[in-house]
Amino acid sequence: MHSYNVRIWSVRKRPSKAAPFQLRWQVDGKEHQEKFATKTLADARRAELLTATRKGEPFDTETGLPVSEVRERNRTSWYAHARAHVARKWPTAAAKHRASIAESLAVATMALCPTGKGRPADDLLRRALYQWGFNAGRHGQEPPESEARALAWVERHAPAVVDLDNAQRMRTVLEHLAMRQDGKPTAANTFRRRRAVLSNCLRLAVEHELLPGNPLHRVHWETPRAVEELDVRSVATPTQVQALLDAVRAQGHRGAHLAAFFACIYYAALRPEEVSMLSADQCDLPTEGWGRLVLAGARPQVGSAWTDDGRPYEERQLKHRARRAVRPVPIPPVLVGILRAHLEASGTAADGRLFSAVRGGPIRSQEYGSV
């Protein structure tokens, strides 16, 4: 806890040969003291404490020290703090969000570390931080030798959290967050996501009293606006879609199986991760007129390194929805007909899903991405 109730007494002499001069002060009613060999040292320390009170700085009730001194003494490394933040977020974060946190903190950490002689190559540093340093699922594992050397370099050269209380330094980090690996500006939504991850990590540092405040708030940054309107020139016409679906069907048995998959993306505006979870009992397909799909979950693919069970995908609730929420989607007669024909020709997988991999398991992006 902090307190502004501080009282500092004059230096007094004690019957001691080693440290005869004593400085006493009181913080929120609790007395603290330090001993000195000379009165000059004691007076200098008293002046430091008085300066802190004149600046209006709070004192820590536990140690009796000005808060700035406590932070300076607890010089937690940024890298250690960021790893602790990742471990704290890991249990409740979705697999894709875990990867997003790791990617954002990897970029920020590379921007904070010094450049010049001895720094590992950027691609190695990025890989080591993303795949090992900020992957809490691998914190107990030994990384490959090259990645281990890169992470050891980060441990030695990453700044202390307290040193991040600098607006110019934060501007440099934001400039890196706003840039792709090829040096071009990143998408506005990507920058917002990265900045949010960094800000969340810095807020935790404030909570742990490693920083007086979030230094990002001191940087004026104009974030480019994301394009909200749909460019009608990029939307396929019904004729073009029909030609695309015909081309998919022409790719043999696998193409015929996946034609309805792509039809759901176009006619129902579904995400691929939603289509991959679509089951027969979620489809209302009348013989005439409009039908309806009742979506209850999604299966985003992110990679086995970010899931709890080591599978390359994760079954979760719908995006931005509560865990058991469902989303009804009306579908036009043309999609109703396509899905009815799909069920008649291919049936369902063993678990009731409309679409499956070649060997019958859950469909993955490699399946529909290569058609």
Protein backbone atom coordinates (compact mmCIF):
# COMPACT_ATOMS: atom_id res chain seq x y z
CA MET A 1 0.00 0.00 0.00
CA HIS A 2 1.00 3.61 -0.51
CA SER A 3 0.69 6.56 1.79
CA TYR A 4 1.36 10.31 1.70
CA ASN A 5 1.37 10.45 5.51
CA VAL A 6 5.14 10.78 5.94
CA ARG A 7 7.09 12.33 8.80
CA ILE A 8 10.90 12.62 8.70
CA TRP A 9 12.90 13.36 11.85
CA SER A 10 16.32 14.94 12.20
CA VAL A 11 19.45 12.81 12.26
CA ARG A 12 20.43 11.67 15.73
CA LYS A 13 23.61 10.22 17.15
CA ARG A 14 23.72 6.78 18.75
CA PRO A 15 26.32 5.04 20.93
CA SER A 16 27.69 2.91 18.11
CA LYS A 17 31.20 2.83 16.65
CA ALA A 18 30.25 1.29 13.28
CA ALA A 19 27.18 3.42 12.47
CA PRO A 20 26.64 6.14 15.05
CA PHE A 21 24.22 8.28 13.04
CA GLN A 22 20.58 7.24 12.69
CA LEU A 23 17.86 8.56 10.39
CA ARG A 24 14.28 7.84 11.38
CA TRP A 25 11.04 8.50 9.54
CA GLN A 26 7.45 7.42 9.77
CA VAL A 27 5.09 6.24 7.01
CA ASP A 28 1.40 5.92 7.88
CA GLY A 29 2.27 5.57 11.56
CA LYS A 30 4.96 2.90 11.05
CA GLU A 31 8.54 3.83 11.93
CA HIS A 32 11.52 3.09 9.67
CA GLN A 33 15.22 3.77 10.12
CA GLU A 34 18.62 3.63 8.46
CA LYS A 35 22.07 3.81 10.08
CA PHE A 36 25.14 5.61 8.72
CA ALA A 37 28.81 5.85 9.50
CA THR A 38 28.93 9.65 9.05
CA LYS A 39 26.51 12.51 9.57
CA THR A 40 27.11 13.67 5.98
CA LEU A 41 25.75 10.40 4.61
CA ALA A 42 22.77 10.55 6.96
CA ASP A 43 21.97 14.16 6.00
CA ALA A 44 22.21 13.27 2.28
CA ARG A 45 19.77 10.41 2.72
CA ARG A 46 17.40 12.64 4.70
CA ALA A 47 17.51 15.18 1.88
CA GLU A 48 16.54 12.46 -0.64
CA LEU A 49 13.49 11.50 1.40
CA LEU A 50 12.48 15.14 1.88
CA THR A 51 12.78 15.74 -1.86
CA ALA A 52 10.41 12.83 -2.50
CA THR A 53 7.83 14.28 -0.10
CA ARG A 54 8.10 17.77 -1.68
CA LYS A 55 7.45 16.19 -5.10
CA GLY A 56 4.26 14.70 -3.73
CA GLU A 57 5.52 11.15 -4.18
CA PRO A 58 3.79 8.41 -2.18
CA PHE A 59 5.77 6.11 0.10
CA ASP A 60 5.44 2.34 0.29
CA THR A 61 3.99 1.41 3.70
CA GLU A 62 5.80 -1.96 3.74
CA THR A 63 9.37 -0.80 3.05
CA GLY A 64 8.97 2.85 4.01
CA LEU A 65 10.65 3.91 0.78
CA PRO A 66 9.46 6.30 -1.93
CA VAL A 67 7.61 4.31 -4.60
CA SER A 68 10.17 5.29 -7.25
CA GLU A 69 12.91 3.67 -5.17
CA VAL A 70 10.89 0.50 -4.75
CA ARG A 71 10.46 0.22 -8.49
CA GLU A 72 14.15 0.88 -9.09
CA ARG A 73 15.14 -1.82 -6.63
CA ASN A 74 12.71 -4.28 -8.17
CA ARG A 75 14.24 -4.06 -11.64
CA THR A 76 12.22 -6.85 -13.18
CA SER A 77 13.32 -7.61 -16.72
CA TRP A 78 10.79 -6.85 -19.47
CA TYR A 79 11.35 -10.32 -20.89
CA ALA A 80 10.69 -12.00 -17.53
CA HIS A 81 7.57 -9.89 -17.01
CA ALA A 82 6.26 -10.61 -20.52
CA ARG A 83 6.78 -14.36 -20.04
CA ALA A 84 4.90 -14.21 -16.73
CA HIS A 85 2.10 -12.30 -18.48
CA VAL A 86 1.87 -15.00 -21.16
CA ALA A 87 1.72 -17.75 -18.53
CA ARG A 88 -1.03 -15.87 -16.71
CA LYS A 89 -3.12 -15.51 -19.87
CA TRP A 90 -2.55 -19.02 -21.23
CA PRO A 91 -5.12 -21.09 -19.25
CA THR A 92 -8.16 -19.05 -20.32
CA ALA A 93 -7.08 -17.79 -23.76
CA ALA A 94 -8.20 -19.37 -27.02
CA ALA A 95 -5.48 -21.03 -29.08
CA LYS A 96 -5.55 -18.27 -31.71
CA HIS A 97 -5.38 -15.60 -29.02
CA ARG A 98 -2.38 -17.36 -27.46
CA ALA A 99 -0.59 -17.20 -30.80
CA SER A 100 -1.62 -13.56 -31.21
CA ILE A 101 -0.21 -12.63 -27.79
CA ALA A 102 3.07 -14.38 -28.60
CA GLU A 103 3.37 -12.69 -31.99
CA SER A 104 2.65 -9.23 -30.58
CA LEU A 105 5.06 -9.55 -27.65
CA ALA A 106 7.76 -10.97 -29.93
CA VAL A 107 7.59 -7.85 -32.12
CA ALA A 108 7.58 -5.54 -29.09
CA THR A 109 10.51 -7.33 -27.45
CA MET A 110 12.61 -7.18 -30.61
CA ALA A 111 11.96 -3.43 -30.73
CA LEU A 112 13.02 -3.01 -27.09
CA CYS A 113 16.24 -5.01 -27.33
CA PRO A 114 19.43 -3.23 -28.44
CA THR A 115 20.70 -3.47 -31.99
CA GLY A 116 24.28 -3.87 -33.10
CA LYS A 117 27.03 -6.42 -32.64
CA GLY A 118 26.05 -9.69 -31.01
CA ARG A 119 22.32 -9.41 -31.68
CA PRO A 120 20.90 -12.60 -33.27
CA ALA A 121 19.46 -12.39 -36.77
CA ASP A 122 15.92 -11.07 -36.83
CA ASP A 123 14.37 -14.22 -38.26
CA LEU A 124 16.02 -16.37 -35.57
CA LEU A 125 15.10 -13.92 -32.81
CA ARG A 126 11.50 -13.73 -33.99
CA ARG A 127 11.20 -17.51 -34.24
CA ALA A 128 12.75 -18.08 -30.82
CA LEU A 129 10.49 -15.57 -29.10
CA TYR A 130 7.32 -16.61 -30.91
CA GLN A 131 7.70 -20.38 -30.78
CA TRP A 132 9.49 -20.73 -27.43
CA GLY A 133 9.87 -17.58 -25.35
CA PHE A 134 6.21 -16.61 -25.41
CA ASN A 135 4.64 -20.04 -25.81
CA ALA A 136 3.68 -20.93 -22.24
CA GLY A 137 2.91 -24.49 -23.29
CA ARG A 138 6.62 -24.97 -24.00
CA HIS A 139 8.09 -23.13 -21.02
CA GLY A 140 9.14 -26.41 -19.46
CA GLN A 141 10.78 -27.71 -22.64
CA GLU A 142 14.29 -27.19 -23.96
CA PRO A 143 14.36 -25.24 -27.26
CA PRO A 144 16.78 -26.08 -30.09
CA GLU A 145 20.34 -24.88 -29.56
CA SER A 146 20.16 -21.84 -31.85
CA GLU A 147 16.86 -20.68 -30.35
CA ALA A 148 18.20 -21.26 -26.84
CA ARG A 149 21.19 -19.02 -27.55
CA ALA A 150 18.91 -16.32 -28.94
CA LEU A 151 16.68 -16.42 -25.86
CA ALA A 152 19.71 -16.30 -23.58
CA TRP A 153 20.79 -13.13 -25.40
CA VAL A 154 17.33 -11.62 -24.81
CA GLU A 155 17.53 -12.46 -21.11
CA ARG A 156 20.83 -10.58 -20.87
CA HIS A 157 19.90 -7.54 -22.97
CA ALA A 158 16.16 -6.93 -22.49
CA PRO A 159 15.56 -3.69 -20.54
CA ALA A 160 14.03 -3.55 -17.09
CA VAL A 161 10.32 -2.81 -16.96
CA VAL A 162 10.98 0.43 -15.08
CA ASP A 163 13.04 1.66 -18.05
CA LEU A 164 9.96 1.49 -20.28
CA ASP A 165 8.52 4.56 -18.59
CA ASN A 166 9.64 6.64 -21.54
CA ALA A 167 7.38 8.07 -24.23
CA GLN A 168 10.03 8.02 -26.96
CA ARG A 169 10.83 4.40 -26.28
CA MET A 170 7.14 3.52 -26.52
CA ARG A 171 6.86 5.38 -29.81
CA THR A 172 9.67 3.25 -31.20
CA VAL A 173 7.83 0.09 -30.14
CA LEU A 174 4.59 1.32 -31.73
CA GLU A 175 6.44 2.01 -34.97
CA HIS A 176 7.55 -1.63 -35.05
CA LEU A 177 4.06 -2.87 -34.20
CA ALA A 178 2.72 -0.88 -37.14
CA MET A 179 5.15 -2.49 -39.58
CA ARG A 180 5.17 -5.83 -41.38
CA GLN A 181 8.30 -7.93 -41.74
CA ASP A 182 8.80 -6.59 -45.27
CA GLY A 183 8.80 -3.01 -43.97
CA LYS A 184 5.35 -2.10 -45.30
CA PRO A 185 2.57 -0.77 -43.03
CA THR A 186 0.53 -3.46 -41.34
CA ALA A 187 -3.27 -3.56 -41.51
CA ALA A 188 -5.08 -1.25 -39.09
CA ASN A 189 -6.78 -4.17 -37.31
CA THR A 190 -3.46 -5.97 -36.90
CA PHE A 191 -1.90 -2.89 -35.31
CA ARG A 192 -4.85 -2.47 -32.95
CA ARG A 193 -4.58 -6.11 -31.89
CA ARG A 194 -0.83 -5.83 -31.27
CA ARG A 195 -1.18 -2.57 -29.37
CA ALA A 196 -3.93 -4.04 -27.18
CA VAL A 197 -1.69 -6.98 -26.25
CA LEU A 198 1.19 -4.66 -25.35
CA SER A 199 -1.06 -2.34 -23.37
CA ASN A 200 -2.50 -5.26 -21.43
CA CYS A 201 1.01 -6.44 -20.53
CA LEU A 202 2.00 -2.93 -19.40
CA ARG A 203 -1.17 -2.59 -17.31
CA LEU A 204 -0.13 -5.72 -15.43
CA ALA A 205 3.24 -4.08 -14.76
CA VAL A 206 1.40 -1.10 -13.27
CA GLU A 207 -0.69 -3.45 -11.14
CA HIS A 208 2.50 -5.10 -9.85
CA GLU A 209 3.94 -1.63 -9.14
CA LEU A 210 6.75 -2.04 -11.63
CA LEU A 211 5.60 1.11 -13.48
CA PRO A 212 3.89 4.28 -12.22
CA GLY A 213 1.45 4.24 -15.14
CA ASN A 214 0.95 2.88 -18.64
CA PRO A 215 3.53 4.73 -20.78
CA LEU A 216 1.50 4.09 -23.95
CA HIS A 217 -0.97 6.71 -22.76
CA ARG A 218 1.73 9.37 -23.10
CA VAL A 219 2.23 8.73 -26.83
CA HIS A 220 0.04 10.49 -29.36
CA TRP A 221 -0.48 8.00 -32.16
CA GLU A 222 -2.84 8.29 -35.11
CA THR A 223 -4.05 4.78 -35.89
CA PRO A 224 -5.12 4.36 -39.53
CA ARG A 225 -8.80 3.70 -39.89
CA ALA A 226 -9.84 0.22 -40.88
CA VAL A 227 -11.88 -0.09 -44.06
CA GLU A 228 -15.43 -0.80 -42.87
CA GLU A 229 -17.24 -0.64 -46.19
CA LEU A 230 -17.27 -3.58 -48.55
CA ASP A 231 -15.75 -3.00 -51.95
CA VAL A 232 -18.47 -4.32 -54.27
CA ARG A 233 -15.85 -4.81 -56.98
CA SER A 234 -14.28 -7.61 -54.93
CA VAL A 235 -17.53 -9.56 -54.50
CA ALA A 236 -18.15 -12.33 -56.99
CA THR A 237 -21.40 -12.22 -58.96
CA PRO A 238 -23.81 -15.19 -58.84
CA THR A 239 -22.62 -16.20 -62.32
CA GLN A 240 -18.99 -16.10 -61.25
CA VAL A 241 -19.76 -18.10 -58.10
CA GLN A 242 -21.55 -20.74 -60.13
CA ALA A 243 -18.52 -21.00 -62.40
CA LEU A 244 -16.23 -21.32 -59.36
CA LEU A 245 -18.37 -24.05 -57.80
CA ASP A 246 -18.48 -25.92 -61.12
CA ALA A 247 -14.69 -25.71 -61.28
CA VAL A 248 -14.44 -27.15 -57.75
CA ARG A 249 -16.77 -30.03 -58.63
CA ALA A 250 -14.62 -30.78 -61.65
CA GLN A 251 -11.66 -31.60 -59.34
CA GLY A 252 -12.82 -35.18 -58.90
CA HIS A 253 -14.43 -36.82 -55.90
CA ARG A 254 -12.77 -34.48 -53.39
CA GLY A 255 -13.87 -31.41 -55.29
CA ALA A 256 -17.43 -32.68 -55.48
CA HIS A 257 -17.41 -33.17 -51.71
CA LEU A 258 -16.19 -29.63 -51.04
CA ALA A 259 -18.36 -27.71 -53.49
CA ALA A 260 -21.06 -27.33 -50.82
CA PHE A 261 -18.36 -26.17 -48.36
CA PHE A 262 -17.54 -23.16 -50.53
CA ALA A 263 -21.23 -22.58 -51.25
CA CYS A 264 -21.84 -22.10 -47.50
CA ILE A 265 -19.10 -19.47 -47.38
CA TYR A 266 -20.68 -17.50 -50.23
CA TYR A 267 -24.45 -17.93 -49.80
CA ALA A 268 -24.53 -17.95 -45.96
CA ALA A 269 -21.46 -15.74 -45.33
CA LEU A 270 -19.97 -18.28 -42.94
CA ARG A 271 -16.37 -18.47 -41.78
CA PRO A 272 -14.50 -21.64 -42.81
CA GLU A 273 -14.13 -22.52 -39.12
CA GLU A 274 -17.93 -22.42 -38.80
CA VAL A 275 -18.57 -24.50 -41.91
CA SER A 276 -16.14 -27.17 -40.67
CA MET A 277 -18.34 -27.67 -37.56
CA LEU A 278 -21.65 -27.73 -39.45
CA SER A 279 -23.66 -30.89 -38.74
CA ALA A 280 -26.84 -32.29 -40.24
CA ASP A 281 -28.93 -31.58 -37.14
CA GLN A 282 -28.08 -27.87 -37.49
CA CYS A 283 -29.58 -27.68 -40.97
CA ASP A 284 -33.22 -26.96 -41.71
CA LEU A 285 -33.51 -27.78 -45.42
CA PRO A 286 -37.13 -27.68 -46.69
CA THR A 287 -38.01 -28.97 -50.13
CA GLU A 288 -39.06 -25.45 -51.15
CA GLY A 289 -38.14 -21.93 -50.13
CA TRP A 290 -35.61 -20.62 -47.66
CA GLY A 291 -33.91 -22.78 -45.07
CA ARG A 292 -31.91 -22.10 -41.93
CA LEU A 293 -28.62 -23.06 -40.31
CA VAL A 294 -28.27 -22.92 -36.53
CA LEU A 295 -24.58 -22.44 -35.74
CA ALA A 296 -23.36 -23.54 -32.32
CA GLY A 297 -19.58 -23.58 -32.56
CA ALA A 298 -16.44 -23.18 -34.61
CA ARG A 299 -13.26 -25.11 -35.22
CA PRO A 300 -10.47 -22.60 -35.91
CA GLN A 301 -7.14 -24.04 -37.00
CA VAL A 302 -4.08 -22.52 -35.37
CA GLY A 303 -1.38 -25.17 -34.96
CA SER A 304 -0.66 -27.86 -32.40
CA ALA A 305 1.82 -25.66 -30.49
CA TRP A 306 -0.99 -23.45 -29.18
CA THR A 307 -3.67 -25.97 -28.14
CA ASP A 308 -3.92 -27.84 -24.86
CA ASP A 309 -4.34 -31.28 -26.43
CA GLY A 310 -1.77 -30.96 -29.21
CA ARG A 311 -4.35 -31.00 -32.02
CA PRO A 312 -3.91 -28.46 -34.82
CA TYR A 313 -7.42 -27.09 -34.28
CA GLU A 314 -9.59 -26.09 -31.35
CA GLU A 315 -13.34 -26.52 -30.96
CA ARG A 316 -14.77 -23.34 -29.44
CA GLN A 317 -17.84 -21.19 -29.24
CA LEU A 318 -18.76 -18.84 -32.06
CA LYS A 319 -16.49 -15.82 -32.45
CA HIS A 320 -17.43 -12.95 -30.09
CA ARG A 321 -20.26 -15.05 -28.60
CA ALA A 322 -20.91 -16.61 -25.22
CA ARG A 323 -19.87 -20.24 -24.81
CA ARG A 324 -23.32 -21.76 -25.39
CA ALA A 325 -24.74 -19.11 -27.69
CA VAL A 326 -26.14 -20.10 -31.08
CA ARG A 327 -26.53 -18.04 -34.25
CA PRO A 328 -29.40 -18.74 -36.65
CA VAL A 329 -28.57 -17.99 -40.29
CA PRO A 330 -31.26 -17.91 -43.00
CA ILE A 331 -30.09 -19.48 -46.26
CA PRO A 332 -31.50 -18.96 -49.78
CA PRO A 333 -33.16 -21.75 -51.77
CA VAL A 334 -30.09 -22.21 -53.97
CA LEU A 335 -27.95 -23.16 -50.93
CA VAL A 336 -30.74 -25.35 -49.57
CA GLY A 337 -30.66 -27.29 -52.82
CA ILE A 338 -26.87 -27.59 -52.78
CA LEU A 339 -26.82 -28.90 -49.20
CA ARG A 340 -29.63 -31.38 -49.85
CA ALA A 341 -27.76 -32.71 -52.88
CA HIS A 342 -24.55 -32.90 -50.80
CA LEU A 343 -26.22 -34.93 -48.06
CA GLU A 344 -27.80 -37.26 -50.60
CA ALA A 345 -24.50 -37.86 -52.39
CA SER A 346 -22.01 -37.87 -49.48
CA GLY A 347 -24.01 -38.31 -46.31
CA THR A 348 -22.30 -37.21 -43.10
CA ALA A 349 -19.16 -38.12 -41.19
CA ALA A 350 -19.36 -40.47 -38.22
CA ASP A 351 -19.88 -37.52 -35.86
CA GLY A 352 -22.66 -36.03 -38.01
CA ARG A 353 -20.55 -33.32 -39.66
CA LEU A 354 -21.34 -32.42 -43.27
CA PHE A 355 -17.69 -32.13 -44.25
CA SER A 356 -14.73 -34.30 -43.33
CA ALA A 357 -11.13 -34.96 -44.28
CA VAL A 358 -10.20 -37.65 -46.76
CA ARG A 359 -9.69 -40.18 -43.97
CA GLY A 360 -12.87 -39.20 -42.17
CA GLY A 361 -11.45 -36.91 -39.48
CA PRO A 362 -12.14 -33.21 -38.95
CA ILE A 363 -11.62 -31.15 -42.09
CA ARG A 364 -8.54 -28.92 -42.03
CA SER A 365 -7.51 -25.90 -44.06
CA GLN A 366 -5.08 -28.03 -46.08
CA GLU A 367 -8.13 -29.94 -47.36
CA TYR A 368 -10.17 -27.06 -48.69
CA GLY A 369 -7.24 -24.69 -49.26
CA SER A 370 -5.68 -26.89 -51.93
CA VAL A 371 -8.78 -27.45 -54.05
